[in-house]
């Protein structure tokens, strides 16, 4: 397993645990799910934090903490829309 694949596996494991803790599930579309997971790993590697790959970083570390996964918006989005902006976390059906 390459380091990149190991990082993706670790991020996926973390996301699954977080979803489970909140009574949610992860996106069942494997392609979409892994696109988000790869984006989180890429941002963590490049910027030191797993910033939401679906939101634009400002470059201001303090402001950008709001979009670190799980971002400050995700709970309200899941409650209102049934999923977060990135389509990572979903309400259980």
PDB file of N, CA and C in Angstrom:
ATOM      1  N   UNK A   1       0.856  -1.185   0.000  1.00  0.00           N
ATOM      2  CA  UNK A   1       0.000   0.000   0.000  1.00  0.00           C
ATOM      3  C   UNK A   1       0.892   1.234   0.000  1.00  0.00           C
ATOM      4  N   UNK A   2       0.633   2.136  -0.910  1.00  0.00           N
ATOM      5  CA  UNK A   2       1.417   3.363  -0.965  1.00  0.00           C
ATOM      6  C   UNK A   2       1.032   4.276   0.200  1.00  0.00           C
ATOM      7  N   UNK A   3       1.883   5.248   0.460  1.00  0.00           N
ATOM      8  CA  UNK A   3       1.597   6.196   1.542  1.00  0.00           C
ATOM      9  C   UNK A   3       0.303   6.959   1.260  1.00  0.00           C
ATOM     10  N   UNK A   4       0.112   7.324  -0.004  1.00  0.00           N
ATOM     11  CA  UNK A   4      -1.108   8.050  -0.387  1.00  0.00           C
ATOM     12  C   UNK A   4      -2.348   7.202  -0.110  1.00  0.00           C
ATOM     13  N   UNK A   5      -2.296   5.914  -0.484  1.00  0.00           N
ATOM     14  CA  UNK A   5      -3.430   5.023  -0.237  1.00  0.00           C
ATOM     15  C   UNK A   5      -3.658   4.825   1.257  1.00  0.00           C
ATOM     16  N   UNK A   6      -2.579   4.751   2.022  1.00  0.00           N
ATOM     17  CA  UNK A   6      -2.698   4.609   3.475  1.00  0.00           C
ATOM     18  C   UNK A   6      -3.343   5.861   4.067  1.00  0.00           C
ATOM     19  N   UNK A   7      -2.943   7.031   3.582  1.00  0.00           N
ATOM     20  CA  UNK A   7      -3.536   8.279   4.056  1.00  0.00           C
ATOM     21  C   UNK A   7      -5.030   8.327   3.728  1.00  0.00           C
ATOM     22  N   UNK A   8      -5.393   7.866   2.541  1.00  0.00           N
ATOM     23  CA  UNK A   8      -6.801   7.843   2.152  1.00  0.00           C
ATOM     24  C   UNK A   8      -7.577   6.862   3.027  1.00  0.00           C
ATOM     25  N   UNK A   9      -6.993   5.705   3.296  1.00  0.00           N
ATOM     26  CA  UNK A   9      -7.646   4.713   4.152  1.00  0.00           C
ATOM     27  C   UNK A   9      -7.843   5.268   5.557  1.00  0.00           C
ATOM     28  N   UNK A  10      -6.850   5.972   6.073  1.00  0.00           N
ATOM     29  CA  UNK A  10      -6.956   6.585   7.405  1.00  0.00           C
ATOM     30  C   UNK A  10      -8.039   7.659   7.428  1.00  0.00           C
ATOM     31  N   UNK A  11      -8.087   8.492   6.388  1.00  0.00           N
ATOM     32  CA  UNK A  11      -9.092   9.561   6.318  1.00  0.00           C
ATOM     33  C   UNK A  11     -10.491   8.955   6.210  1.00  0.00           C
ATOM     34  N   UNK A  12     -10.633   7.913   5.422  1.00  0.00           N
ATOM     35  CA  UNK A  12     -11.917   7.241   5.263  1.00  0.00           C
ATOM     36  C   UNK A  12     -12.362   6.630   6.593  1.00  0.00           C
ATOM     37  N   UNK A  13     -11.446   6.008   7.286  1.00  0.00           N
ATOM     38  CA  UNK A  13     -11.752   5.412   8.591  1.00  0.00           C
ATOM     39  C   UNK A  13     -12.204   6.496   9.569  1.00  0.00           C
ATOM     40  N   UNK A  14     -11.501   7.627   9.586  1.00  0.00           N
ATOM     41  CA  UNK A  14     -11.873   8.736  10.455  1.00  0.00           C
ATOM     42  C   UNK A  14     -13.270   9.254  10.108  1.00  0.00           C
ATOM     43  N   UNK A  15     -13.533   9.458   8.809  1.00  0.00           N
ATOM     44  CA  UNK A  15     -14.828   9.982   8.368  1.00  0.00           C
ATOM     45  C   UNK A  15     -15.963   9.021   8.721  1.00  0.00           C
ATOM     46  N   UNK A  16     -15.725   7.716   8.550  1.00  0.00           N
ATOM     47  CA  UNK A  16     -16.738   6.723   8.915  1.00  0.00           C
ATOM     48  C   UNK A  16     -17.041   6.787  10.402  1.00  0.00           C
ATOM     49  N   UNK A  17     -16.002   6.883  11.215  1.00  0.00           N
ATOM     50  CA  UNK A  17     -16.175   6.968  12.661  1.00  0.00           C
ATOM     51  C   UNK A  17     -16.943   8.210  13.067  1.00  0.00           C
ATOM     52  N   UNK A  18     -16.611   9.328  12.442  1.00  0.00           N
ATOM     53  CA  UNK A  18     -17.290  10.589  12.739  1.00  0.00           C
ATOM     54  C   UNK A  18     -18.764  10.494  12.352  1.00  0.00           C
ATOM     55  N   UNK A  19     -19.040   9.951  11.171  1.00  0.00           N
ATOM     56  CA  UNK A  19     -20.422   9.800  10.710  1.00  0.00           C
ATOM     57  C   UNK A  19     -21.200   8.903  11.675  1.00  0.00           C
ATOM     58  N   UNK A  20     -20.611   7.789  12.045  1.00  0.00           N
ATOM     59  CA  UNK A  20     -21.269   6.841  12.941  1.00  0.00           C
ATOM     60  C   UNK A  20     -21.598   7.486  14.285  1.00  0.00           C
ATOM     61  N   UNK A  21     -20.660   8.256  14.807  1.00  0.00           N
ATOM     62  CA  UNK A  21     -20.837   8.941  16.087  1.00  0.00           C
ATOM     63  C   UNK A  21     -22.059   9.862  16.066  1.00  0.00           C
ATOM     64  N   UNK A  22     -22.382  10.426  14.903  1.00  0.00           N
ATOM     65  CA  UNK A  22     -23.495  11.361  14.771  1.00  0.00           C
ATOM     66  C   UNK A  22     -24.762  10.712  14.199  1.00  0.00           C
ATOM     67  N   UNK A  23     -24.727   9.404  13.991  1.00  0.00           N
ATOM     68  CA  UNK A  23     -25.900   8.716  13.453  1.00  0.00           C
ATOM     69  C   UNK A  23     -26.100   8.934  11.972  1.00  0.00           C
ATOM     70  N   UNK A  24     -25.024   9.244  11.271  1.00  0.00           N
ATOM     71  CA  UNK A  24     -25.072   9.492   9.838  1.00  0.00           C
ATOM     72  C   UNK A  24     -24.398   8.352   9.102  1.00  0.00           C
ATOM     73  N   UNK A  25     -24.364   8.478   7.804  1.00  0.00           N
ATOM     74  CA  UNK A  25     -23.638   7.558   6.952  1.00  0.00           C
ATOM     75  C   UNK A  25     -22.784   8.376   5.986  1.00  0.00           C
ATOM     76  N   UNK A  26     -21.857   7.710   5.333  1.00  0.00           N
ATOM     77  CA  UNK A  26     -21.086   8.382   4.287  1.00  0.00           C
ATOM     78  C   UNK A  26     -21.783   8.179   2.956  1.00  0.00           C
ATOM     79  N   UNK A  27     -21.429   9.012   1.997  1.00  0.00           N
ATOM     80  CA  UNK A  27     -21.980   8.911   0.651  1.00  0.00           C
ATOM     81  C   UNK A  27     -21.820   7.478   0.145  1.00  0.00           C
ATOM     82  N   UNK A  28     -22.884   6.913  -0.384  1.00  0.00           N
ATOM     83  CA  UNK A  28     -22.818   5.536  -0.877  1.00  0.00           C
ATOM     84  C   UNK A  28     -22.275   5.453  -2.301  1.00  0.00           C
ATOM     85  N   UNK A  29     -22.146   6.608  -2.959  1.00  0.00           N
ATOM     86  CA  UNK A  29     -21.528   6.646  -4.289  1.00  0.00           C
ATOM     87  C   UNK A  29     -20.012   6.631  -4.081  1.00  0.00           C
ATOM     88  N   UNK A  30     -19.416   5.483  -4.287  1.00  0.00           N
ATOM     89  CA  UNK A  30     -17.995   5.273  -4.006  1.00  0.00           C
ATOM     90  C   UNK A  30     -17.092   6.275  -4.734  1.00  0.00           C
ATOM     91  N   UNK A  31     -17.419   6.585  -5.978  1.00  0.00           N
ATOM     92  CA  UNK A  31     -16.598   7.518  -6.760  1.00  0.00           C
ATOM     93  C   UNK A  31     -16.638   8.912  -6.138  1.00  0.00           C
ATOM     94  N   UNK A  32     -17.835   9.391  -5.807  1.00  0.00           N
ATOM     95  CA  UNK A  32     -17.973  10.710  -5.189  1.00  0.00           C
ATOM     96  C   UNK A  32     -17.319  10.741  -3.810  1.00  0.00           C
ATOM     97  N   UNK A  33     -17.545   9.681  -3.040  1.00  0.00           N
ATOM     98  CA  UNK A  33     -16.962   9.583  -1.705  1.00  0.00           C
ATOM     99  C   UNK A  33     -15.438   9.687  -1.772  1.00  0.00           C
ATOM    100  N   UNK A  34     -14.830   8.916  -2.642  1.00  0.00           N
ATOM    101  CA  UNK A  34     -13.371   8.898  -2.714  1.00  0.00           C
ATOM    102  C   UNK A  34     -12.813  10.197  -3.294  1.00  0.00           C
ATOM    103  N   UNK A  35     -13.579  10.895  -4.104  1.00  0.00           N
ATOM    104  CA  UNK A  35     -13.149  12.201  -4.596  1.00  0.00           C
ATOM    105  C   UNK A  35     -12.998  13.159  -3.422  1.00  0.00           C
ATOM    106  N   UNK A  36     -13.967  13.153  -2.511  1.00  0.00           N
ATOM    107  CA  UNK A  36     -13.903  14.023  -1.341  1.00  0.00           C
ATOM    108  C   UNK A  36     -12.769  13.583  -0.416  1.00  0.00           C
ATOM    109  N   UNK A  37     -12.637  12.289  -0.191  1.00  0.00           N
ATOM    110  CA  UNK A  37     -11.570  11.768   0.682  1.00  0.00           C
ATOM    111  C   UNK A  37     -10.201  12.151   0.128  1.00  0.00           C
ATOM    112  N   UNK A  38     -10.005  11.987  -1.175  1.00  0.00           N
ATOM    113  CA  UNK A  38      -8.726  12.374  -1.795  1.00  0.00           C
ATOM    114  C   UNK A  38      -8.480  13.870  -1.632  1.00  0.00           C
ATOM    115  N   UNK A  39      -9.537  14.681  -1.773  1.00  0.00           N
ATOM    116  CA  UNK A  39      -9.409  16.128  -1.600  1.00  0.00           C
ATOM    117  C   UNK A  39      -9.018  16.492  -0.182  1.00  0.00           C
ATOM    118  N   UNK A  40      -9.599  15.816   0.800  1.00  0.00           N
ATOM    119  CA  UNK A  40      -9.237  16.066   2.197  1.00  0.00           C
ATOM    120  C   UNK A  40      -7.770  15.712   2.456  1.00  0.00           C
ATOM    121  N   UNK A  41      -7.340  14.564   1.928  1.00  0.00           N
ATOM    122  CA  UNK A  41      -5.944  14.135   2.098  1.00  0.00           C
ATOM    123  C   UNK A  41      -5.005  15.111   1.398  1.00  0.00           C
ATOM    124  N   UNK A  42      -5.361  15.519   0.190  1.00  0.00           N
ATOM    125  CA  UNK A  42      -4.537  16.474  -0.565  1.00  0.00           C
ATOM    126  C   UNK A  42      -4.377  17.772   0.223  1.00  0.00           C
ATOM    127  N   UNK A  43      -5.481  18.299   0.754  1.00  0.00           N
ATOM    128  CA  UNK A  43      -5.407  19.550   1.513  1.00  0.00           C
ATOM    129  C   UNK A  43      -4.618  19.381   2.810  1.00  0.00           C
ATOM    130  N   UNK A  44      -4.767  18.251   3.454  1.00  0.00           N
ATOM    131  CA  UNK A  44      -4.009  18.002   4.684  1.00  0.00           C
ATOM    132  C   UNK A  44      -2.511  17.939   4.369  1.00  0.00           C
ATOM    133  N   UNK A  45      -2.175  17.277   3.277  1.00  0.00           N
ATOM    134  CA  UNK A  45      -0.772  17.164   2.872  1.00  0.00           C
ATOM    135  C   UNK A  45      -0.211  18.523   2.455  1.00  0.00           C
ATOM    136  N   UNK A  46      -0.959  19.257   1.662  1.00  0.00           N
ATOM    137  CA  UNK A  46      -0.497  20.533   1.105  1.00  0.00           C
ATOM    138  C   UNK A  46      -0.530  21.682   2.113  1.00  0.00           C
ATOM    139  N   UNK A  47      -1.589  21.716   2.936  1.00  0.00           N
ATOM    140  CA  UNK A  47      -1.783  22.870   3.824  1.00  0.00           C
ATOM    141  C   UNK A  47      -1.688  22.536   5.316  1.00  0.00           C
ATOM    142  N   UNK A  48      -1.547  21.260   5.634  1.00  0.00           N
ATOM    143  CA  UNK A  48      -1.413  20.855   7.031  1.00  0.00           C
ATOM    144  C   UNK A  48      -2.726  20.617   7.746  1.00  0.00           C
ATOM    145  N   UNK A  49      -3.843  20.853   7.065  1.00  0.00           N
ATOM    146  CA  UNK A  49      -5.169  20.646   7.660  1.00  0.00           C
ATOM    147  C   UNK A  49      -6.106  20.077   6.588  1.00  0.00           C
ATOM    148  N   UNK A  50      -7.052  19.225   7.008  1.00  0.00           N
ATOM    149  CA  UNK A  50      -7.985  18.640   6.029  1.00  0.00           C
ATOM    150  C   UNK A  50      -9.126  19.595   5.695  1.00  0.00           C
ATOM    151  N   UNK A  51      -8.782  20.651   4.979  1.00  0.00           N
ATOM    152  CA  UNK A  51      -9.801  21.621   4.583  1.00  0.00           C
ATOM    153  C   UNK A  51     -10.791  20.973   3.628  1.00  0.00           C
ATOM    154  N   UNK A  52     -12.039  21.384   3.754  1.00  0.00           N
ATOM    155  CA  UNK A  52     -13.097  20.901   2.886  1.00  0.00           C
ATOM    156  C   UNK A  52     -12.683  21.172   1.432  1.00  0.00           C
ATOM    157  N   UNK A  53     -12.642  20.130   0.602  1.00  0.00           N
ATOM    158  CA  UNK A  53     -12.230  20.349  -0.786  1.00  0.00           C
ATOM    159  C   UNK A  53     -13.309  21.046  -1.620  1.00  0.00           C
ATOM    160  N   UNK A  54     -14.485  21.213  -1.054  1.00  0.00           N
ATOM    161  CA  UNK A  54     -15.600  21.823  -1.781  1.00  0.00           C
ATOM    162  C   UNK A  54     -15.772  23.309  -1.460  1.00  0.00           C
ATOM    163  N   UNK A  55     -14.897  23.827  -0.645  1.00  0.00           N
ATOM    164  CA  UNK A  55     -14.978  25.239  -0.262  1.00  0.00           C
ATOM    165  C   UNK A  55     -13.642  25.914  -0.591  1.00  0.00           C
ATOM    166  N   UNK A  56     -13.691  27.217  -0.786  1.00  0.00           N
ATOM    167  CA  UNK A  56     -12.496  27.956  -1.188  1.00  0.00           C
ATOM    168  C   UNK A  56     -11.775  28.495   0.041  1.00  0.00           C
ATOM    169  N   UNK A  57     -10.502  28.175   0.145  1.00  0.00           N
ATOM    170  CA  UNK A  57      -9.672  28.687   1.238  1.00  0.00           C
ATOM    171  C   UNK A  57      -9.398  30.165   1.007  1.00  0.00           C
ATOM    172  N   UNK A  58      -9.341  30.911   2.100  1.00  0.00           N
ATOM    173  CA  UNK A  58      -9.028  32.344   1.990  1.00  0.00           C
ATOM    174  C   UNK A  58      -7.523  32.577   2.058  1.00  0.00           C
ATOM    175  N   UNK A  59      -6.804  31.625   2.646  1.00  0.00           N
ATOM    176  CA  UNK A  59      -5.371  31.800   2.878  1.00  0.00           C
ATOM    177  C   UNK A  59      -5.095  32.310   4.276  1.00  0.00           C
ATOM    178  N   UNK A  60      -6.132  32.770   4.965  1.00  0.00           N
ATOM    179  CA  UNK A  60      -6.023  33.220   6.356  1.00  0.00           C
ATOM    180  C   UNK A  60      -6.303  31.996   7.235  1.00  0.00           C
ATOM    181  N   UNK A  61      -5.269  31.494   7.896  1.00  0.00           N
ATOM    182  CA  UNK A  61      -5.391  30.248   8.655  1.00  0.00           C
ATOM    183  C   UNK A  61      -6.518  30.305   9.687  1.00  0.00           C
ATOM    184  N   UNK A  62      -6.667  31.433  10.339  1.00  0.00           N
ATOM    185  CA  UNK A  62      -7.717  31.571  11.361  1.00  0.00           C
ATOM    186  C   UNK A  62      -9.111  31.455  10.737  1.00  0.00           C
ATOM    187  N   UNK A  63      -9.345  32.155   9.640  1.00  0.00           N
ATOM    188  CA  UNK A  63     -10.638  32.090   8.947  1.00  0.00           C
ATOM    189  C   UNK A  63     -10.873  30.700   8.359  1.00  0.00           C
ATOM    190  N   UNK A  64      -9.810  30.108   7.822  1.00  0.00           N
ATOM    191  CA  UNK A  64      -9.943  28.817   7.144  1.00  0.00           C
ATOM    192  C   UNK A  64     -10.223  27.665   8.099  1.00  0.00           C
ATOM    193  N   UNK A  65     -10.011  27.852   9.385  1.00  0.00           N
ATOM    194  CA  UNK A  65     -10.358  26.795  10.347  1.00  0.00           C
ATOM    195  C   UNK A  65     -11.844  26.456  10.267  1.00  0.00           C
ATOM    196  N   UNK A  66     -12.657  27.408   9.859  1.00  0.00           N
ATOM    197  CA  UNK A  66     -14.102  27.189   9.724  1.00  0.00           C
ATOM    198  C   UNK A  66     -14.425  26.152   8.656  1.00  0.00           C
ATOM    199  N   UNK A  67     -13.514  25.963   7.690  1.00  0.00           N
ATOM    200  CA  UNK A  67     -13.772  25.003   6.617  1.00  0.00           C
ATOM    201  C   UNK A  67     -12.919  23.748   6.748  1.00  0.00           C
ATOM    202  N   UNK A  68     -12.321  23.564   7.909  1.00  0.00           N
ATOM    203  CA  UNK A  68     -11.592  22.326   8.181  1.00  0.00           C
ATOM    204  C   UNK A  68     -12.625  21.236   8.452  1.00  0.00           C
ATOM    205  N   UNK A  69     -12.492  20.119   7.820  1.00  0.00           N
ATOM    206  CA  UNK A  69     -13.467  19.040   7.965  1.00  0.00           C
ATOM    207  C   UNK A  69     -13.397  18.439   9.361  1.00  0.00           C
ATOM    208  N   UNK A  70     -14.520  18.320  10.024  1.00  0.00           N
ATOM    209  CA  UNK A  70     -15.846  18.728   9.610  1.00  0.00           C
ATOM    210  C   UNK A  70     -16.011  20.232   9.780  1.00  0.00           C
ATOM    211  N   UNK A  71     -16.481  20.885   8.737  1.00  0.00           N
ATOM    212  CA  UNK A  71     -16.597  22.349   8.746  1.00  0.00           C
ATOM    213  C   UNK A  71     -17.712  22.807   9.688  1.00  0.00           C
ATOM    214  N   UNK A  72     -17.744  24.082   9.971  1.00  0.00           N
ATOM    215  CA  UNK A  72     -18.740  24.612  10.907  1.00  0.00           C
ATOM    216  C   UNK A  72     -20.161  24.560  10.342  1.00  0.00           C
ATOM    217  N   UNK A  73     -20.291  24.313   9.068  1.00  0.00           N
ATOM    218  CA  UNK A  73     -21.599  24.316   8.412  1.00  0.00           C
ATOM    219  C   UNK A  73     -22.259  22.938   8.341  1.00  0.00           C
ATOM    220  N   UNK A  74     -21.500  21.883   8.523  1.00  0.00           N
ATOM    221  CA  UNK A  74     -21.970  20.543   8.175  1.00  0.00           C
ATOM    222  C   UNK A  74     -23.198  20.068   8.949  1.00  0.00           C
ATOM    223  N   UNK A  75     -23.284  20.327  10.240  1.00  0.00           N
ATOM    224  CA  UNK A  75     -24.420  19.820  11.019  1.00  0.00           C
ATOM    225  C   UNK A  75     -25.730  20.437  10.556  1.00  0.00           C
ATOM    226  N   UNK A  76     -25.725  21.738  10.329  1.00  0.00           N
ATOM    227  CA  UNK A  76     -26.932  22.410   9.855  1.00  0.00           C
ATOM    228  C   UNK A  76     -27.304  21.930   8.444  1.00  0.00           C
ATOM    229  N   UNK A  77     -26.303  21.737   7.591  1.00  0.00           N
ATOM    230  CA  UNK A  77     -26.564  21.263   6.225  1.00  0.00           C
ATOM    231  C   UNK A  77     -27.186  19.870   6.235  1.00  0.00           C
ATOM    232  N   UNK A  78     -26.630  18.980   7.060  1.00  0.00           N
ATOM    233  CA  UNK A  78     -27.179  17.621   7.141  1.00  0.00           C
ATOM    234  C   UNK A  78     -28.610  17.675   7.669  1.00  0.00           C
ATOM    235  N   UNK A  79     -28.842  18.499   8.679  1.00  0.00           N
ATOM    236  CA  UNK A  79     -30.185  18.618   9.257  1.00  0.00           C
ATOM    237  C   UNK A  79     -31.191  19.161   8.243  1.00  0.00           C
ATOM    238  N   UNK A  80     -30.798  20.176   7.483  1.00  0.00           N
ATOM    239  CA  UNK A  80     -31.727  20.824   6.552  1.00  0.00           C
ATOM    240  C   UNK A  80     -31.826  20.135   5.197  1.00  0.00           C
ATOM    241  N   UNK A  81     -30.683  19.685   4.662  1.00  0.00           N
ATOM    242  CA  UNK A  81     -30.638  19.158   3.301  1.00  0.00           C
ATOM    243  C   UNK A  81     -30.520  17.638   3.237  1.00  0.00           C
ATOM    244  N   UNK A  82     -30.177  17.025   4.368  1.00  0.00           N
ATOM    245  CA  UNK A  82     -29.988  15.576   4.390  1.00  0.00           C
ATOM    246  C   UNK A  82     -28.558  15.158   4.121  1.00  0.00           C
ATOM    247  N   UNK A  83     -27.705  16.137   3.776  1.00  0.00           N
ATOM    248  CA  UNK A  83     -26.288  15.863   3.525  1.00  0.00           C
ATOM    249  C   UNK A  83     -25.512  17.165   3.630  1.00  0.00           C
ATOM    250  N   UNK A  84     -24.224  17.036   3.796  1.00  0.00           N
ATOM    251  CA  UNK A  84     -23.386  18.239   3.851  1.00  0.00           C
ATOM    252  C   UNK A  84     -23.056  18.707   2.435  1.00  0.00           C
ATOM    253  N   UNK A  85     -22.492  19.890   2.339  1.00  0.00           N
ATOM    254  CA  UNK A  85     -22.164  20.521   1.053  1.00  0.00           C
ATOM    255  C   UNK A  85     -21.315  19.616   0.161  1.00  0.00           C
ATOM    256  N   UNK A  86     -20.376  18.931   0.744  1.00  0.00           N
ATOM    257  CA  UNK A  86     -19.469  18.052  -0.022  1.00  0.00           C
ATOM    258  C   UNK A  86     -20.087  16.719  -0.416  1.00  0.00           C
ATOM    259  N   UNK A  87     -21.281  16.461   0.117  1.00  0.00           N
ATOM    260  CA  UNK A  87     -21.894  15.145  -0.084  1.00  0.00           C
ATOM    261  C   UNK A  87     -21.062  14.040   0.548  1.00  0.00           C
ATOM    262  N   UNK A  88     -20.432  14.360   1.675  1.00  0.00           N
ATOM    263  CA  UNK A  88     -19.670  13.353   2.418  1.00  0.00           C
ATOM    264  C   UNK A  88     -20.573  12.694   3.454  1.00  0.00           C
ATOM    265  N   UNK A  89     -21.192  13.515   4.293  1.00  0.00           N
ATOM    266  CA  UNK A  89     -22.045  13.009   5.368  1.00  0.00           C
ATOM    267  C   UNK A  89     -23.522  13.088   4.981  1.00  0.00           C
ATOM    268  N   UNK A  90     -24.241  12.030   5.262  1.00  0.00           N
ATOM    269  CA  UNK A  90     -25.676  11.926   4.974  1.00  0.00           C
ATOM    270  C   UNK A  90     -26.425  11.475   6.210  1.00  0.00           C
ATOM    271  N   UNK A  91     -27.678  11.949   6.323  1.00  0.00           N
ATOM    272  CA  UNK A  91     -28.571  11.398   7.342  1.00  0.00           C
ATOM    273  C   UNK A  91     -28.787   9.941   7.011  1.00  0.00           C
ATOM    274  N   UNK A  92     -28.964   9.148   8.039  1.00  0.00           N
ATOM    275  CA  UNK A  92     -29.323   7.744   7.793  1.00  0.00           C
ATOM    276  C   UNK A  92     -30.681   7.719   7.121  1.00  0.00           C
ATOM    277  N   UNK A  93     -30.864   6.866   6.123  1.00  0.00           N
ATOM    278  CA  UNK A  93     -32.159   6.803   5.427  1.00  0.00           C
ATOM    279  C   UNK A  93     -33.267   6.296   6.343  1.00  0.00           C
TER     280      UNK A  93
END
